[in-house]
Protein backbone atom coordinates (compact mmCIF):
# COMPACT_ATOMS: atom_id res chain seq x y z
CA MET A 1 -7.73 28.30 1.77
CA ALA A 2 -7.05 26.91 -1.69
CA ASP A 3 -9.56 24.87 -3.64
CA PHE A 4 -9.16 21.96 -6.03
CA PRO A 5 -8.52 22.96 -9.66
CA ASP A 6 -11.54 23.20 -11.96
CA ILE A 7 -10.32 20.11 -13.77
CA VAL A 8 -11.21 18.03 -10.69
CA GLU A 9 -14.91 17.22 -10.98
CA ALA A 10 -17.39 16.75 -8.12
CA PRO A 11 -17.15 12.93 -7.73
CA LEU A 12 -13.37 13.13 -7.61
CA ARG A 13 -13.52 16.01 -5.13
CA ALA A 14 -15.74 13.85 -2.91
CA ARG A 15 -13.15 11.06 -3.03
CA PHE A 16 -10.41 13.48 -1.96
CA VAL A 17 -12.58 14.82 0.86
CA SER A 18 -13.30 11.27 2.09
CA LEU A 19 -9.54 10.61 2.04
CA GLY A 20 -8.92 13.78 4.05
CA VAL A 21 -6.81 15.36 1.31
CA ARG A 22 -6.71 19.14 1.31
CA PRO A 23 -5.89 21.01 -1.92
CA GLU A 24 -2.99 22.85 -0.27
CA ASP A 25 -1.39 19.48 0.59
CA VAL A 26 -1.01 18.63 -3.11
CA GLU A 27 1.93 20.07 -5.02
CA GLU A 28 1.26 20.32 -8.76
CA ARG A 29 4.07 20.75 -11.29
CA PHE A 30 4.17 20.83 -15.06
CA VAL A 31 7.41 19.47 -16.46
CA ARG A 32 8.81 18.66 -19.87
CA GLY A 33 8.17 15.16 -21.03
CA THR A 34 10.67 12.46 -21.86
CA GLY A 35 10.91 9.88 -24.61
CA ALA A 36 10.02 9.92 -28.27
CA GLY A 37 8.32 12.95 -29.78
CA GLY A 38 11.15 15.13 -30.96
CA GLN A 39 10.92 18.90 -30.83
CA LYS A 40 7.27 18.90 -29.66
CA ILE A 41 7.99 16.91 -26.50
CA ASN A 42 11.14 18.89 -25.80
CA LYS A 43 9.43 22.29 -25.99
CA THR A 44 6.14 21.74 -24.15
CA SER A 45 5.57 21.03 -20.48
CA SER A 46 2.72 18.58 -20.93
CA THR A 47 3.77 16.12 -18.23
CA VAL A 48 1.93 16.62 -14.93
CA ALA A 49 3.51 15.65 -11.61
CA LEU A 50 1.41 15.67 -8.43
CA ARG A 51 2.77 15.03 -4.95
CA HIS A 52 0.77 14.66 -1.75
CA ARG A 53 3.11 16.21 0.82
CA PRO A 54 1.88 14.49 4.02
CA THR A 55 2.23 10.96 2.61
CA GLY A 56 4.89 11.55 -0.04
CA VAL A 57 2.79 9.82 -2.69
CA GLU A 58 3.79 11.03 -6.14
CA VAL A 59 2.10 10.61 -9.52
CA ARG A 60 3.61 11.55 -12.88
CA ILE A 61 1.45 11.38 -16.03
CA GLN A 62 2.56 11.82 -19.65
CA ASP A 63 -0.08 9.73 -21.45
CA GLU A 64 -1.48 12.40 -23.78
CA ARG A 65 -0.07 15.35 -25.70
CA SER A 66 -2.54 17.66 -23.97
CA GLN A 67 -1.55 19.09 -20.61
CA SER A 68 -5.18 19.40 -19.49
CA GLN A 69 -5.91 15.73 -20.25
CA ASN A 70 -2.75 14.68 -18.42
CA ARG A 71 -3.76 16.90 -15.52
CA ALA A 72 -7.19 15.28 -15.18
CA THR A 73 -5.63 11.81 -15.42
CA ALA A 74 -3.00 12.71 -12.81
CA TRP A 75 -5.59 13.86 -10.26
CA LEU A 76 -7.55 10.65 -10.81
CA ALA A 77 -4.39 8.54 -10.46
CA LEU A 78 -3.46 10.35 -7.23
CA ALA A 79 -6.87 9.58 -5.74
CA GLN A 80 -6.57 5.93 -6.74
CA LYS A 81 -3.09 5.62 -5.29
CA LEU A 82 -4.11 7.22 -1.98
CA GLU A 83 -7.18 4.96 -1.75
CA TRP A 84 -5.01 1.92 -2.49
CA ARG A 85 -2.58 2.89 0.27
CA ARG A 86 -5.43 3.31 2.76
CA ALA A 87 -6.88 -0.08 1.79
CA GLU A 88 -3.47 -1.75 2.14
CA ALA A 89 -3.04 -0.28 5.61
CA ALA A 90 -6.50 -1.51 6.63
CA ASN A 91 -5.77 -4.99 5.23
CA ALA A 92 -2.47 -5.16 7.10
CA ALA A 93 -4.16 -4.17 10.36
CA GLN A 94 -6.90 -6.78 9.81
CA ALA A 95 -4.29 -9.47 9.06
CA GLU A 96 -2.43 -8.58 12.27
CA ARG A 97 -5.64 -8.85 14.32
CA GLU A 98 -6.42 -12.23 12.73
CA LEU A 99 -2.92 -13.51 13.49
CA VAL A 100 -3.20 -12.53 17.15
CA ARG A 101 -6.67 -14.09 17.35
CA ARG A 102 -5.41 -17.39 15.90
CA GLN A 103 -2.40 -17.44 18.22
CA LYS A 104 -4.50 -16.86 21.34
CA ARG A 105 -7.34 -19.30 20.68
CA GLN A 106 -7.47 -22.53 22.66
CA LYS A 107 -6.15 -25.73 21.15
CA SER A 108 -8.65 -28.41 20.21
CA ARG A 109 -8.78 -31.70 22.09
CA GLY A 110 -7.10 -33.50 19.18
CA GLN A 111 -4.28 -30.95 19.04
CA LYS A 112 -3.67 -31.38 22.77
CA VAL A 113 -3.58 -35.18 22.46
CA ARG A 114 -1.12 -35.02 19.55
CA MET A 115 1.05 -32.52 21.41
CA ILE A 116 1.24 -34.72 24.53
CA GLN A 117 2.01 -37.82 22.44
CA SER A 118 4.79 -35.92 20.69
CA LYS A 119 6.24 -34.77 24.01
CA LYS A 120 6.17 -38.31 25.43
CA HIS A 121 7.84 -39.63 22.27
CA ARG A 122 10.54 -36.94 22.46
CA ALA A 123 11.08 -37.65 26.18
CA LYS A 124 11.49 -41.36 25.42
CA ILE A 125 14.14 -40.60 22.80
CA LYS A 126 15.98 -38.24 25.14
CA SER A 127 15.88 -40.65 28.08
CA ALA A 128 17.60 -43.27 25.92
CA ARG A 129 20.58 -40.95 25.49
CA GLY A 130 23.61 -41.28 27.71
CA ARG A 131 23.02 -44.94 28.66
CA GLY A 132 25.80 -46.19 26.45
CA TYR A 133 28.53 -46.26 29.13
CA ASP A 134 30.89 -49.21 28.73
CA ASP A 135 32.90 -48.66 31.91
């Protein structure tokens, strides 16, 4: 079984463990950067790309010139992105439960009265239709 790289410190490891992320699920690549920087950026692979295979979440960091600093930042960004996704899923589930709860609750007395008045008004309008025969 693989372990997290040494660059990932204990608090960050704990976050990954709480998320259920295993080190072997994360694919780490070092690629050449893009953008301004000339020969230096074209020759060094300082950009770090991490991908969590089970979820498909990908992070690509090229903030610093140092590969090790980019690596630490990438692992942190991956943890944040996975936590954000989990929170979004929980919020969506909570919103769905709230919607169902609101739809199923009983109507108040005032709502019922207004609904019946509206139905009677609509029925009155409809009953007036079709009486215009001039035969």
